[in-house]
């Protein structure tokens, strides 16, 4: 994974409480994957998930599949 062109962002719903992830979706269409990292450790480990898996995750979040209340 090339890190030079990654444009990291986190959700606008993030309250900046420190428990956030950041994603770099700018490579999704060209590479087929979405890099993910812990916002507290910008130089720490990163993982990459397929665009299909990331899309399924986002759909699940929107549908409330991960709500704990």
PDB file of N, CA and C in Angstrom:
ATOM      1  N   UNK A   1       0.854  -1.171   0.000  1.00  0.00           N
ATOM      2  CA  UNK A   1       0.000   0.000   0.000  1.00  0.00           C
ATOM      3  C   UNK A   1       0.899   1.233   0.000  1.00  0.00           C
ATOM      4  N   UNK A   2       0.664   2.134  -0.922  1.00  0.00           N
ATOM      5  CA  UNK A   2       1.427   3.376  -0.986  1.00  0.00           C
ATOM      6  C   UNK A   2       0.823   4.391  -0.040  1.00  0.00           C
ATOM      7  N   UNK A   3       1.659   5.004   0.786  1.00  0.00           N
ATOM      8  CA  UNK A   3       1.143   5.961   1.762  1.00  0.00           C
ATOM      9  C   UNK A   3       1.250   7.404   1.277  1.00  0.00           C
ATOM     10  N   UNK A   4       1.986   7.656   0.185  1.00  0.00           N
ATOM     11  CA  UNK A   4       2.184   9.022  -0.291  1.00  0.00           C
ATOM     12  C   UNK A   4       0.873   9.705  -0.668  1.00  0.00           C
ATOM     13  N   UNK A   5      -0.019   8.999  -1.303  1.00  0.00           N
ATOM     14  CA  UNK A   5      -1.218   9.623  -1.845  1.00  0.00           C
ATOM     15  C   UNK A   5      -2.462   9.413  -0.988  1.00  0.00           C
ATOM     16  N   UNK A   6      -2.315   8.867   0.201  1.00  0.00           N
ATOM     17  CA  UNK A   6      -3.479   8.642   1.051  1.00  0.00           C
ATOM     18  C   UNK A   6      -3.978   9.954   1.632  1.00  0.00           C
ATOM     19  N   UNK A   7      -5.271  10.188   1.521  1.00  0.00           N
ATOM     20  CA  UNK A   7      -5.898  11.374   2.094  1.00  0.00           C
ATOM     21  C   UNK A   7      -6.831  10.905   3.203  1.00  0.00           C
ATOM     22  N   UNK A   8      -6.345  10.978   4.440  1.00  0.00           N
ATOM     23  CA  UNK A   8      -7.066  10.443   5.592  1.00  0.00           C
ATOM     24  C   UNK A   8      -8.187  11.374   6.020  1.00  0.00           C
ATOM     25  N   UNK A   9      -9.303  10.787   6.426  1.00  0.00           N
ATOM     26  CA  UNK A   9     -10.408  11.571   6.983  1.00  0.00           C
ATOM     27  C   UNK A   9     -11.154  10.709   7.999  1.00  0.00           C
ATOM     28  N   UNK A  10     -11.871  11.386   8.896  1.00  0.00           N
ATOM     29  CA  UNK A  10     -12.715  10.655   9.833  1.00  0.00           C
ATOM     30  C   UNK A  10     -14.113  11.232   9.755  1.00  0.00           C
ATOM     31  N   UNK A  11     -15.038  10.548  10.303  1.00  0.00           N
ATOM     32  CA  UNK A  11     -16.441  10.917  10.217  1.00  0.00           C
ATOM     33  C   UNK A  11     -16.708  12.303  10.789  1.00  0.00           C
ATOM     34  N   UNK A  12     -17.612  13.007  10.154  1.00  0.00           N
ATOM     35  CA  UNK A  12     -18.027  14.307  10.692  1.00  0.00           C
ATOM     36  C   UNK A  12     -18.816  14.121  11.985  1.00  0.00           C
ATOM     37  N   UNK A  13     -19.238  12.889  12.273  1.00  0.00           N
ATOM     38  CA  UNK A  13     -19.946  12.585  13.512  1.00  0.00           C
ATOM     39  C   UNK A  13     -18.990  12.346  14.668  1.00  0.00           C
ATOM     40  N   UNK A  14     -17.710  12.289  14.378  1.00  0.00           N
ATOM     41  CA  UNK A  14     -16.712  12.064  15.415  1.00  0.00           C
ATOM     42  C   UNK A  14     -16.679  13.256  16.356  1.00  0.00           C
ATOM     43  N   UNK A  15     -16.733  12.972  17.646  1.00  0.00           N
ATOM     44  CA  UNK A  15     -16.718  14.064  18.629  1.00  0.00           C
ATOM     45  C   UNK A  15     -15.306  14.389  19.085  1.00  0.00           C
ATOM     46  N   UNK A  16     -14.319  13.836  18.403  1.00  0.00           N
ATOM     47  CA  UNK A  16     -12.918  14.064  18.728  1.00  0.00           C
ATOM     48  C   UNK A  16     -12.566  13.551  20.122  1.00  0.00           C
ATOM     49  N   UNK A  17     -13.265  12.514  20.565  1.00  0.00           N
ATOM     50  CA  UNK A  17     -13.012  11.943  21.876  1.00  0.00           C
ATOM     51  C   UNK A  17     -11.838  10.984  21.889  1.00  0.00           C
ATOM     52  N   UNK A  18     -11.241  10.726  20.741  1.00  0.00           N
ATOM     53  CA  UNK A  18     -10.065   9.881  20.689  1.00  0.00           C
ATOM     54  C   UNK A  18     -10.312   8.446  20.295  1.00  0.00           C
ATOM     55  N   UNK A  19     -11.559   8.017  20.219  1.00  0.00           N
ATOM     56  CA  UNK A  19     -11.862   6.639  19.838  1.00  0.00           C
ATOM     57  C   UNK A  19     -12.360   6.588  18.406  1.00  0.00           C
ATOM     58  N   UNK A  20     -11.548   7.064  17.497  1.00  0.00           N
ATOM     59  CA  UNK A  20     -11.965   7.178  16.103  1.00  0.00           C
ATOM     60  C   UNK A  20     -11.039   6.384  15.186  1.00  0.00           C
ATOM     61  N   UNK A  21     -11.579   6.042  14.048  1.00  0.00           N
ATOM     62  CA  UNK A  21     -10.743   5.513  12.985  1.00  0.00           C
ATOM     63  C   UNK A  21     -10.748   6.534  11.865  1.00  0.00           C
ATOM     64  N   UNK A  22      -9.758   6.442  11.023  1.00  0.00           N
ATOM     65  CA  UNK A  22      -9.690   7.275   9.832  1.00  0.00           C
ATOM     66  C   UNK A  22      -9.610   6.356   8.630  1.00  0.00           C
ATOM     67  N   UNK A  23     -10.185   6.789   7.536  1.00  0.00           N
ATOM     68  CA  UNK A  23     -10.148   6.018   6.297  1.00  0.00           C
ATOM     69  C   UNK A  23      -9.591   6.891   5.186  1.00  0.00           C
ATOM     70  N   UNK A  24      -9.012   6.264   4.204  1.00  0.00           N
ATOM     71  CA  UNK A  24      -8.519   6.961   3.022  1.00  0.00           C
ATOM     72  C   UNK A  24      -9.258   6.391   1.819  1.00  0.00           C
ATOM     73  N   UNK A  25     -10.408   6.957   1.545  1.00  0.00           N
ATOM     74  CA  UNK A  25     -11.254   6.415   0.478  1.00  0.00           C
ATOM     75  C   UNK A  25     -10.863   6.906  -0.907  1.00  0.00           C
ATOM     76  N   UNK A  26      -9.904   7.808  -0.989  1.00  0.00           N
ATOM     77  CA  UNK A  26      -9.532   8.354  -2.288  1.00  0.00           C
ATOM     78  C   UNK A  26      -8.906   7.316  -3.223  1.00  0.00           C
ATOM     79  N   UNK A  27      -8.482   6.182  -2.696  1.00  0.00           N
ATOM     80  CA  UNK A  27      -7.901   5.143  -3.553  1.00  0.00           C
ATOM     81  C   UNK A  27      -8.876   4.015  -3.875  1.00  0.00           C
ATOM     82  N   UNK A  28     -10.086   4.087  -3.352  1.00  0.00           N
ATOM     83  CA  UNK A  28     -11.027   2.973  -3.465  1.00  0.00           C
ATOM     84  C   UNK A  28     -11.321   2.590  -4.913  1.00  0.00           C
ATOM     85  N   UNK A  29     -11.566   3.542  -5.773  1.00  0.00           N
ATOM     86  CA  UNK A  29     -11.940   3.203  -7.150  1.00  0.00           C
ATOM     87  C   UNK A  29     -10.767   2.690  -7.972  1.00  0.00           C
ATOM     88  N   UNK A  30      -9.566   3.146  -7.674  1.00  0.00           N
ATOM     89  CA  UNK A  30      -8.416   2.711  -8.463  1.00  0.00           C
ATOM     90  C   UNK A  30      -7.738   1.463  -7.919  1.00  0.00           C
ATOM     91  N   UNK A  31      -7.832   1.246  -6.603  1.00  0.00           N
ATOM     92  CA  UNK A  31      -7.109   0.113  -6.022  1.00  0.00           C
ATOM     93  C   UNK A  31      -8.018  -1.011  -5.539  1.00  0.00           C
ATOM     94  N   UNK A  32      -9.303  -0.712  -5.333  1.00  0.00           N
ATOM     95  CA  UNK A  32     -10.223  -1.738  -4.848  1.00  0.00           C
ATOM     96  C   UNK A  32     -10.126  -2.000  -3.360  1.00  0.00           C
ATOM     97  N   UNK A  33      -9.455  -1.117  -2.630  1.00  0.00           N
ATOM     98  CA  UNK A  33      -9.372  -1.287  -1.177  1.00  0.00           C
ATOM     99  C   UNK A  33      -9.458   0.057  -0.466  1.00  0.00           C
ATOM    100  N   UNK A  34      -9.781  -0.011   0.831  1.00  0.00           N
ATOM    101  CA  UNK A  34      -9.898   1.188   1.663  1.00  0.00           C
ATOM    102  C   UNK A  34      -8.945   1.040   2.840  1.00  0.00           C
ATOM    103  N   UNK A  35      -7.899   1.850   2.907  1.00  0.00           N
ATOM    104  CA  UNK A  35      -6.997   1.828   4.053  1.00  0.00           C
ATOM    105  C   UNK A  35      -7.693   2.392   5.302  1.00  0.00           C
ATOM    106  N   UNK A  36      -7.412   1.804   6.457  1.00  0.00           N
ATOM    107  CA  UNK A  36      -8.016   2.207   7.730  1.00  0.00           C
ATOM    108  C   UNK A  36      -6.908   2.296   8.777  1.00  0.00           C
ATOM    109  N   UNK A  37      -6.999   3.305   9.668  1.00  0.00           N
ATOM    110  CA  UNK A  37      -6.022   3.433  10.749  1.00  0.00           C
ATOM    111  C   UNK A  37      -6.690   4.027  11.987  1.00  0.00           C
ATOM    112  N   UNK A  38      -6.038   3.874  13.113  1.00  0.00           N
ATOM    113  CA  UNK A  38      -6.461   4.472  14.376  1.00  0.00           C
ATOM    114  C   UNK A  38      -6.060   5.939  14.350  1.00  0.00           C
ATOM    115  N   UNK A  39      -7.007   6.834  14.601  1.00  0.00           N
ATOM    116  CA  UNK A  39      -6.699   8.268  14.520  1.00  0.00           C
ATOM    117  C   UNK A  39      -5.694   8.721  15.574  1.00  0.00           C
ATOM    118  N   UNK A  40      -5.594   7.973  16.676  1.00  0.00           N
ATOM    119  CA  UNK A  40      -4.638   8.336  17.735  1.00  0.00           C
ATOM    120  C   UNK A  40      -3.212   7.933  17.381  1.00  0.00           C
ATOM    121  N   UNK A  41      -3.059   7.019  16.429  1.00  0.00           N
ATOM    122  CA  UNK A  41      -1.738   6.518  16.060  1.00  0.00           C
ATOM    123  C   UNK A  41      -1.529   6.654  14.561  1.00  0.00           C
ATOM    124  N   UNK A  42      -1.417   7.881  14.109  1.00  0.00           N
ATOM    125  CA  UNK A  42      -1.303   8.142  12.674  1.00  0.00           C
ATOM    126  C   UNK A  42      -0.113   7.422  12.036  1.00  0.00           C
ATOM    127  N   UNK A  43       0.950   7.221  12.786  1.00  0.00           N
ATOM    128  CA  UNK A  43       2.116   6.514  12.256  1.00  0.00           C
ATOM    129  C   UNK A  43       2.120   5.040  12.619  1.00  0.00           C
ATOM    130  N   UNK A  44       1.056   4.592  13.273  1.00  0.00           N
ATOM    131  CA  UNK A  44       0.961   3.203  13.712  1.00  0.00           C
ATOM    132  C   UNK A  44       0.492   2.278  12.601  1.00  0.00           C
ATOM    133  N   UNK A  45       0.071   1.093  12.991  1.00  0.00           N
ATOM    134  CA  UNK A  45      -0.347   0.094  12.001  1.00  0.00           C
ATOM    135  C   UNK A  45      -1.582   0.536  11.231  1.00  0.00           C
ATOM    136  N   UNK A  46      -1.647   0.058  10.022  1.00  0.00           N
ATOM    137  CA  UNK A  46      -2.793   0.312   9.152  1.00  0.00           C
ATOM    138  C   UNK A  46      -3.267  -1.013   8.605  1.00  0.00           C
ATOM    139  N   UNK A  47      -4.528  -1.049   8.272  1.00  0.00           N
ATOM    140  CA  UNK A  47      -5.047  -2.236   7.608  1.00  0.00           C
ATOM    141  C   UNK A  47      -5.794  -1.793   6.366  1.00  0.00           C
ATOM    142  N   UNK A  48      -6.045  -2.713   5.501  1.00  0.00           N
ATOM    143  CA  UNK A  48      -6.747  -2.407   4.272  1.00  0.00           C
ATOM    144  C   UNK A  48      -7.877  -3.408   4.106  1.00  0.00           C
ATOM    145  N   UNK A  49      -9.059  -2.917   3.761  1.00  0.00           N
ATOM    146  CA  UNK A  49     -10.201  -3.799   3.525  1.00  0.00           C
ATOM    147  C   UNK A  49     -10.690  -3.577   2.099  1.00  0.00           C
ATOM    148  N   UNK A  50     -11.304  -4.584   1.533  1.00  0.00           N
ATOM    149  CA  UNK A  50     -11.812  -4.450   0.169  1.00  0.00           C
ATOM    150  C   UNK A  50     -12.944  -3.429   0.142  1.00  0.00           C
ATOM    151  N   UNK A  51     -13.153  -2.832  -1.004  1.00  0.00           N
ATOM    152  CA  UNK A  51     -14.240  -1.858  -1.125  1.00  0.00           C
ATOM    153  C   UNK A  51     -15.584  -2.528  -0.874  1.00  0.00           C
ATOM    154  N   UNK A  52     -15.734  -3.788  -1.270  1.00  0.00           N
ATOM    155  CA  UNK A  52     -16.995  -4.500  -1.016  1.00  0.00           C
ATOM    156  C   UNK A  52     -17.229  -4.677   0.482  1.00  0.00           C
ATOM    157  N   UNK A  53     -16.206  -5.064   1.211  1.00  0.00           N
ATOM    158  CA  UNK A  53     -16.338  -5.245   2.657  1.00  0.00           C
ATOM    159  C   UNK A  53     -16.626  -3.919   3.334  1.00  0.00           C
ATOM    160  N   UNK A  54     -15.955  -2.856   2.913  1.00  0.00           N
ATOM    161  CA  UNK A  54     -16.182  -1.546   3.518  1.00  0.00           C
ATOM    162  C   UNK A  54     -17.600  -1.056   3.229  1.00  0.00           C
ATOM    163  N   UNK A  55     -18.065  -1.252   2.008  1.00  0.00           N
ATOM    164  CA  UNK A  55     -19.433  -0.862   1.660  1.00  0.00           C
ATOM    165  C   UNK A  55     -20.453  -1.616   2.495  1.00  0.00           C
ATOM    166  N   UNK A  56     -20.220  -2.911   2.697  1.00  0.00           N
ATOM    167  CA  UNK A  56     -21.128  -3.711   3.528  1.00  0.00           C
ATOM    168  C   UNK A  56     -21.127  -3.205   4.966  1.00  0.00           C
ATOM    169  N   UNK A  57     -19.966  -2.848   5.476  1.00  0.00           N
ATOM    170  CA  UNK A  57     -19.864  -2.306   6.827  1.00  0.00           C
ATOM    171  C   UNK A  57     -20.666  -1.003   6.949  1.00  0.00           C
ATOM    172  N   UNK A  58     -20.475  -0.091   6.009  1.00  0.00           N
ATOM    173  CA  UNK A  58     -21.183   1.192   6.047  1.00  0.00           C
ATOM    174  C   UNK A  58     -22.690   0.971   5.966  1.00  0.00           C
ATOM    175  N   UNK A  59     -23.133   0.059   5.104  1.00  0.00           N
ATOM    176  CA  UNK A  59     -24.562  -0.249   5.016  1.00  0.00           C
ATOM    177  C   UNK A  59     -25.088  -0.777   6.344  1.00  0.00           C
ATOM    178  N   UNK A  60     -24.313  -1.632   7.000  1.00  0.00           N
ATOM    179  CA  UNK A  60     -24.703  -2.161   8.301  1.00  0.00           C
ATOM    180  C   UNK A  60     -24.813  -1.082   9.362  1.00  0.00           C
ATOM    181  N   UNK A  61     -23.872  -0.144   9.345  1.00  0.00           N
ATOM    182  CA  UNK A  61     -23.918   0.970  10.300  1.00  0.00           C
ATOM    183  C   UNK A  61     -25.176   1.789  10.063  1.00  0.00           C
ATOM    184  N   UNK A  62     -25.442   2.097   8.811  1.00  0.00           N
ATOM    185  CA  UNK A  62     -26.627   2.907   8.483  1.00  0.00           C
ATOM    186  C   UNK A  62     -27.919   2.189   8.857  1.00  0.00           C
ATOM    187  N   UNK A  63     -27.918   0.872   8.779  1.00  0.00           N
ATOM    188  CA  UNK A  63     -29.114   0.091   9.085  1.00  0.00           C
ATOM    189  C   UNK A  63     -29.274  -0.173  10.582  1.00  0.00           C
ATOM    190  N   UNK A  64     -28.272   0.241  11.375  1.00  0.00           N
ATOM    191  CA  UNK A  64     -28.354   0.054  12.821  1.00  0.00           C
ATOM    192  C   UNK A  64     -27.946  -1.320  13.299  1.00  0.00           C
ATOM    193  N   UNK A  65     -27.270  -2.089  12.465  1.00  0.00           N
ATOM    194  CA  UNK A  65     -26.878  -3.462  12.834  1.00  0.00           C
ATOM    195  C   UNK A  65     -25.891  -3.511  13.998  1.00  0.00           C
ATOM    196  N   UNK A  66     -25.195  -2.427  14.250  1.00  0.00           N
ATOM    197  CA  UNK A  66     -24.181  -2.431  15.298  1.00  0.00           C
ATOM    198  C   UNK A  66     -24.594  -1.628  16.519  1.00  0.00           C
ATOM    199  N   UNK A  67     -25.830  -1.159  16.539  1.00  0.00           N
ATOM    200  CA  UNK A  67     -26.321  -0.405  17.704  1.00  0.00           C
ATOM    201  C   UNK A  67     -26.302  -1.288  18.931  1.00  0.00           C
ATOM    202  N   UNK A  68     -25.866  -0.754  20.034  1.00  0.00           N
ATOM    203  CA  UNK A  68     -25.776  -1.537  21.266  1.00  0.00           C
ATOM    204  C   UNK A  68     -26.886  -1.208  22.247  1.00  0.00           C
ATOM    205  N   UNK A  69     -27.683  -0.237  21.938  1.00  0.00           N
ATOM    206  CA  UNK A  69     -28.760   0.166  22.853  1.00  0.00           C
ATOM    207  C   UNK A  69     -30.074  -0.439  22.398  1.00  0.00           C
TER     208      UNK A  69
END
